[in-house]
Every structure is written in C-alpha cells, then in structure tokens.
C-alpha cells in the first residue's frame, strides 16, 4: 500500500474521533450546566413523551449495554425524571414514562439537539450533508462487517 493511502485511512479515523469528541464535549458541557449528563439527556430523548417506552427497547435505541442503562434509569428515577409502570399484559414488562420534570428536561435536550443540527444545516449545504451521511453509513457498514467477522 502506498503512503498516501495510509495517510487517508489515518485521517478518517482521526477525523471521526476528533469530531465525535468535540460534539460529545459540547453536549456534556451543556448537560453539566443543568446538573445532568449527556447520556441522561439522550435517554430522556429516547423515551416517548406520550406513551412511554419499554425498558427493553431503550438499550438498542441508544446502543448502550443493559447494565449501564440500568444505572442510568435508576439515577433518572431517583432524581424524579422518570417512573416505571408495569404493562397490563405482562407484569414483568416495564414501561419507562416521563414525569413533568422529565418532560421539561427532555424538551430542553431536544432544543439543544435541534439548535446544533440547525447550525450545521445553516453552514453546510444540503448536498454536502447528504454526501456526509452517505459516507458515514458506508463507514458504519465497513466497521460492522469487520466486527461481524470476529
């Protein structure tokens, strides 16, 4: 392989990592201003504000391990953002629902995400964003292919 090819590969890894770290820091700093974490805010965003969300559906929606999710849910419940309700059909099944405080916090989180996406859309053309999304999906597929070979 040529040196130029290797530089290109290194750049993809570096760009992905540094971009994600910057976005993650931005969300973490904003969440910290409201005595929360970015993961807690993301969890609230993934809970349906009207119907609630089955606890078993939250993990896959967030790409998070069940043990980590259990800790986050407990913390959100202890702090009054959510409550658990058993389903009528299967008493083992739990639906996570937002409290009034949880809905307010979710709305704030949603506003932060929408504002960031709006700023990105204002500064980057829709054509470039479409290409970006396409390339990111290709990179995701490649990484998943490699992960599935293990």
C-alpha atoms as a PDB file:
ATOM      1  CA  UNK A   1       0.000   0.000   0.000  1.00  0.00           C
ATOM      2  CA  UNK A   2       1.197   3.486  -0.748  1.00  0.00           C
ATOM      3  CA  UNK A   3       1.953   6.012   1.947  1.00  0.00           C
ATOM      4  CA  UNK A   4      -0.744   8.294   0.550  1.00  0.00           C
ATOM      5  CA  UNK A   5      -3.389   5.569   1.098  1.00  0.00           C
ATOM      6  CA  UNK A   6      -2.270   5.040   4.708  1.00  0.00           C
ATOM      7  CA  UNK A   7      -2.473   8.788   5.408  1.00  0.00           C
ATOM      8  CA  UNK A   8      -6.022   8.795   4.072  1.00  0.00           C
ATOM      9  CA  UNK A   9      -7.016   5.894   6.349  1.00  0.00           C
ATOM     10  CA  UNK A  10      -5.393   7.528   9.379  1.00  0.00           C
ATOM     11  CA  UNK A  11      -7.229  10.748   8.598  1.00  0.00           C
ATOM     12  CA  UNK A  12     -10.615   9.003   8.528  1.00  0.00           C
ATOM     13  CA  UNK A  13     -10.016   7.553  11.993  1.00  0.00           C
ATOM     14  CA  UNK A  14      -8.673  10.829  13.348  1.00  0.00           C
ATOM     15  CA  UNK A  15     -11.453  12.947  11.831  1.00  0.00           C
ATOM     16  CA  UNK A  16     -14.152  10.597  13.166  1.00  0.00           C
ATOM     17  CA  UNK A  17     -12.658  10.511  16.633  1.00  0.00           C
ATOM     18  CA  UNK A  18     -11.869  14.212  16.978  1.00  0.00           C
ATOM     19  CA  UNK A  19     -15.278  15.234  15.581  1.00  0.00           C
ATOM     20  CA  UNK A  20     -17.132  12.900  17.911  1.00  0.00           C
ATOM     21  CA  UNK A  21     -15.063  14.079  20.903  1.00  0.00           C
ATOM     22  CA  UNK A  22     -15.864  17.732  20.098  1.00  0.00           C
ATOM     23  CA  UNK A  23     -19.608  17.030  19.700  1.00  0.00           C
ATOM     24  CA  UNK A  24     -19.634  14.857  22.803  1.00  0.00           C
ATOM     25  CA  UNK A  25     -17.843  17.561  24.833  1.00  0.00           C
ATOM     26  CA  UNK A  26     -20.323  20.168  23.587  1.00  0.00           C
ATOM     27  CA  UNK A  27     -23.296  18.043  24.709  1.00  0.00           C
ATOM     28  CA  UNK A  28     -21.611  17.102  28.007  1.00  0.00           C
ATOM     29  CA  UNK A  29     -20.827  20.735  28.837  1.00  0.00           C
ATOM     30  CA  UNK A  30     -24.414  21.785  28.075  1.00  0.00           C
ATOM     31  CA  UNK A  31     -25.840  18.930  30.156  1.00  0.00           C
ATOM     32  CA  UNK A  32     -23.495  19.770  33.030  1.00  0.00           C
ATOM     33  CA  UNK A  33     -24.901  23.328  33.073  1.00  0.00           C
ATOM     34  CA  UNK A  34     -28.205  21.656  34.046  1.00  0.00           C
ATOM     35  CA  UNK A  35     -26.698  19.188  36.565  1.00  0.00           C
ATOM     36  CA  UNK A  36     -27.090  16.236  34.183  1.00  0.00           C
ATOM     37  CA  UNK A  37     -25.011  14.151  31.802  1.00  0.00           C
ATOM     38  CA  UNK A  38     -25.270  13.867  28.039  1.00  0.00           C
ATOM     39  CA  UNK A  39     -26.240  10.172  28.408  1.00  0.00           C
ATOM     40  CA  UNK A  40     -29.091  11.087  30.755  1.00  0.00           C
ATOM     41  CA  UNK A  41     -30.301  13.696  28.245  1.00  0.00           C
ATOM     42  CA  UNK A  42     -30.076  11.151  25.412  1.00  0.00           C
ATOM     43  CA  UNK A  43     -32.058   8.652  27.486  1.00  0.00           C
ATOM     44  CA  UNK A  44     -34.833  11.195  28.045  1.00  0.00           C
ATOM     45  CA  UNK A  45     -34.897  11.923  24.296  1.00  0.00           C
ATOM     46  CA  UNK A  46     -35.380   8.219  23.520  1.00  0.00           C
ATOM     47  CA  UNK A  47     -38.436   7.915  25.795  1.00  0.00           C
ATOM     48  CA  UNK A  48     -41.738   8.550  24.039  1.00  0.00           C
ATOM     49  CA  UNK A  49     -43.223  11.551  25.897  1.00  0.00           C
ATOM     50  CA  UNK A  50     -46.840  10.374  25.457  1.00  0.00           C
ATOM     51  CA  UNK A  51     -46.779   6.567  25.578  1.00  0.00           C
ATOM     52  CA  UNK A  52     -43.520   5.892  27.380  1.00  0.00           C
ATOM     53  CA  UNK A  53     -41.013   3.328  26.121  1.00  0.00           C
ATOM     54  CA  UNK A  54     -40.477  -0.316  27.054  1.00  0.00           C
ATOM     55  CA  UNK A  55     -37.272  -0.662  29.025  1.00  0.00           C
ATOM     56  CA  UNK A  56     -36.167  -3.485  26.707  1.00  0.00           C
ATOM     57  CA  UNK A  57     -36.404  -1.124  23.700  1.00  0.00           C
ATOM     58  CA  UNK A  58     -34.263   1.635  25.208  1.00  0.00           C
ATOM     59  CA  UNK A  59     -30.900  -0.159  25.081  1.00  0.00           C
ATOM     60  CA  UNK A  60     -30.981  -0.883  21.338  1.00  0.00           C
ATOM     61  CA  UNK A  61     -32.211   2.668  20.605  1.00  0.00           C
ATOM     62  CA  UNK A  62     -29.167   4.061  22.389  1.00  0.00           C
ATOM     63  CA  UNK A  63     -26.543   1.438  21.540  1.00  0.00           C
ATOM     64  CA  UNK A  64     -25.807   1.032  25.242  1.00  0.00           C
ATOM     65  CA  UNK A  65     -25.137  -2.003  27.431  1.00  0.00           C
ATOM     66  CA  UNK A  66     -28.023  -3.193  29.666  1.00  0.00           C
ATOM     67  CA  UNK A  67     -26.001  -2.767  32.891  1.00  0.00           C
ATOM     68  CA  UNK A  68     -25.138   0.838  32.025  1.00  0.00           C
ATOM     69  CA  UNK A  69     -28.737   1.518  31.059  1.00  0.00           C
ATOM     70  CA  UNK A  70     -29.978   0.083  34.370  1.00  0.00           C
ATOM     71  CA  UNK A  71     -27.740   2.548  36.259  1.00  0.00           C
ATOM     72  CA  UNK A  72     -28.925   5.496  34.139  1.00  0.00           C
ATOM     73  CA  UNK A  73     -32.597   4.548  34.564  1.00  0.00           C
ATOM     74  CA  UNK A  74     -32.162   4.197  38.336  1.00  0.00           C
ATOM     75  CA  UNK A  75     -30.487   7.614  38.535  1.00  0.00           C
ATOM     76  CA  UNK A  76     -33.198   9.260  36.402  1.00  0.00           C
ATOM     77  CA  UNK A  77     -35.878   7.623  38.547  1.00  0.00           C
ATOM     78  CA  UNK A  78     -34.190   8.621  41.833  1.00  0.00           C
ATOM     79  CA  UNK A  79     -33.952  12.225  40.574  1.00  0.00           C
ATOM     80  CA  UNK A  80     -37.619  12.374  39.587  1.00  0.00           C
ATOM     81  CA  UNK A  81     -37.302  12.458  35.777  1.00  0.00           C
ATOM     82  CA  UNK A  82     -38.987   9.115  35.083  1.00  0.00           C
ATOM     83  CA  UNK A  83     -41.145   6.460  36.667  1.00  0.00           C
ATOM     84  CA  UNK A  84     -41.742   2.803  35.846  1.00  0.00           C
ATOM     85  CA  UNK A  85     -45.096   1.286  35.038  1.00  0.00           C
ATOM     86  CA  UNK A  86     -45.777  -2.430  34.603  1.00  0.00           C
ATOM     87  CA  UNK A  87     -47.657  -3.372  31.442  1.00  0.00           C
ATOM     88  CA  UNK A  88     -51.138  -4.845  31.796  1.00  0.00           C
ATOM     89  CA  UNK A  89     -50.311  -7.864  29.618  1.00  0.00           C
ATOM     90  CA  UNK A  90     -47.009  -8.992  31.120  1.00  0.00           C
ATOM     91  CA  UNK A  91     -46.233  -7.904  34.677  1.00  0.00           C
ATOM     92  CA  UNK A  92     -42.507  -8.487  34.065  1.00  0.00           C
ATOM     93  CA  UNK A  93     -42.507  -5.907  31.263  1.00  0.00           C
ATOM     94  CA  UNK A  94     -41.804  -2.343  32.377  1.00  0.00           C
ATOM     95  CA  UNK A  95     -42.617   0.874  30.543  1.00  0.00           C
ATOM     96  CA  UNK A  96     -40.476   3.887  31.351  1.00  0.00           C
ATOM     97  CA  UNK A  97     -42.529   7.097  31.463  1.00  0.00           C
ATOM     98  CA  UNK A  98     -41.512  10.713  31.875  1.00  0.00           C
ATOM     99  CA  UNK A  99     -42.579  12.799  34.862  1.00  0.00           C
ATOM    100  CA  UNK A 100     -43.370  16.501  34.384  1.00  0.00           C
ATOM    101  CA  UNK A 101     -39.755  17.258  35.340  1.00  0.00           C
ATOM    102  CA  UNK A 102     -38.606  14.646  32.814  1.00  0.00           C
ATOM    103  CA  UNK A 103     -40.711  16.183  30.040  1.00  0.00           C
ATOM    104  CA  UNK A 104     -39.266  19.649  30.765  1.00  0.00           C
ATOM    105  CA  UNK A 105     -35.729  18.275  30.721  1.00  0.00           C
ATOM    106  CA  UNK A 106     -36.447  16.287  27.539  1.00  0.00           C
ATOM    107  CA  UNK A 107     -37.763  19.421  25.824  1.00  0.00           C
ATOM    108  CA  UNK A 108     -34.603  21.298  26.806  1.00  0.00           C
ATOM    109  CA  UNK A 109     -32.428  18.451  25.482  1.00  0.00           C
ATOM    110  CA  UNK A 110     -34.407  18.360  22.250  1.00  0.00           C
ATOM    111  CA  UNK A 111     -33.933  22.107  21.821  1.00  0.00           C
ATOM    112  CA  UNK A 112     -30.144  21.706  22.207  1.00  0.00           C
ATOM    113  CA  UNK A 113     -30.026  18.933  19.595  1.00  0.00           C
ATOM    114  CA  UNK A 114     -32.289  20.830  17.171  1.00  0.00           C
ATOM    115  CA  UNK A 115     -30.212  24.018  17.588  1.00  0.00           C
ATOM    116  CA  UNK A 116     -26.981  22.156  16.830  1.00  0.00           C
ATOM    117  CA  UNK A 117     -28.467  20.465  13.775  1.00  0.00           C
ATOM    118  CA  UNK A 118     -29.888  23.798  12.581  1.00  0.00           C
ATOM    119  CA  UNK A 119     -26.463  25.459  12.903  1.00  0.00           C
ATOM    120  CA  UNK A 120     -24.880  22.626  10.933  1.00  0.00           C
ATOM    121  CA  UNK A 121     -27.569  22.880   8.231  1.00  0.00           C
ATOM    122  CA  UNK A 122     -27.100  26.653   8.012  1.00  0.00           C
ATOM    123  CA  UNK A 123     -23.355  26.371   7.482  1.00  0.00           C
ATOM    124  CA  UNK A 124     -23.152  23.226   5.322  1.00  0.00           C
ATOM    125  CA  UNK A 125     -25.085  22.760   2.098  1.00  0.00           C
ATOM    126  CA  UNK A 126     -27.715  20.025   1.940  1.00  0.00           C
ATOM    127  CA  UNK A 127     -25.725  18.393  -0.908  1.00  0.00           C
ATOM    128  CA  UNK A 128     -22.628  18.154   1.284  1.00  0.00           C
ATOM    129  CA  UNK A 129     -24.692  16.867   4.224  1.00  0.00           C
ATOM    130  CA  UNK A 130     -26.261  14.181   2.021  1.00  0.00           C
ATOM    131  CA  UNK A 131     -22.795  13.047   0.926  1.00  0.00           C
ATOM    132  CA  UNK A 132     -21.585  13.144   4.544  1.00  0.00           C
ATOM    133  CA  UNK A 133     -24.481  10.930   5.671  1.00  0.00           C
ATOM    134  CA  UNK A 134     -23.890   8.518   2.797  1.00  0.00           C
ATOM    135  CA  UNK A 135     -20.170   8.267   3.582  1.00  0.00           C
ATOM    136  CA  UNK A 136     -20.826   7.817   7.314  1.00  0.00           C
ATOM    137  CA  UNK A 137     -23.268   4.981   6.577  1.00  0.00           C
ATOM    138  CA  UNK A 138     -20.646   3.362   4.321  1.00  0.00           C
ATOM    139  CA  UNK A 139     -18.039   3.641   7.102  1.00  0.00           C
ATOM    140  CA  UNK A 140     -20.549   2.185   9.586  1.00  0.00           C
ATOM    141  CA  UNK A 141     -21.229  -0.757   7.250  1.00  0.00           C
ATOM    142  CA  UNK A 142     -17.487  -1.395   6.804  1.00  0.00           C
ATOM    143  CA  UNK A 143     -16.904  -1.315  10.576  1.00  0.00           C
ATOM    144  CA  UNK A 144     -19.892  -3.629  11.146  1.00  0.00           C
ATOM    145  CA  UNK A 145     -18.597  -6.060   8.503  1.00  0.00           C
ATOM    146  CA  UNK A 146     -15.229  -6.174  10.257  1.00  0.00           C
ATOM    147  CA  UNK A 147     -16.881  -6.554  13.675  1.00  0.00           C
ATOM    148  CA  UNK A 148     -19.108  -9.384  12.443  1.00  0.00           C
ATOM    149  CA  UNK A 149     -16.111 -11.347  11.133  1.00  0.00           C
ATOM    150  CA  UNK A 150     -14.705 -11.678  14.663  1.00  0.00           C
END
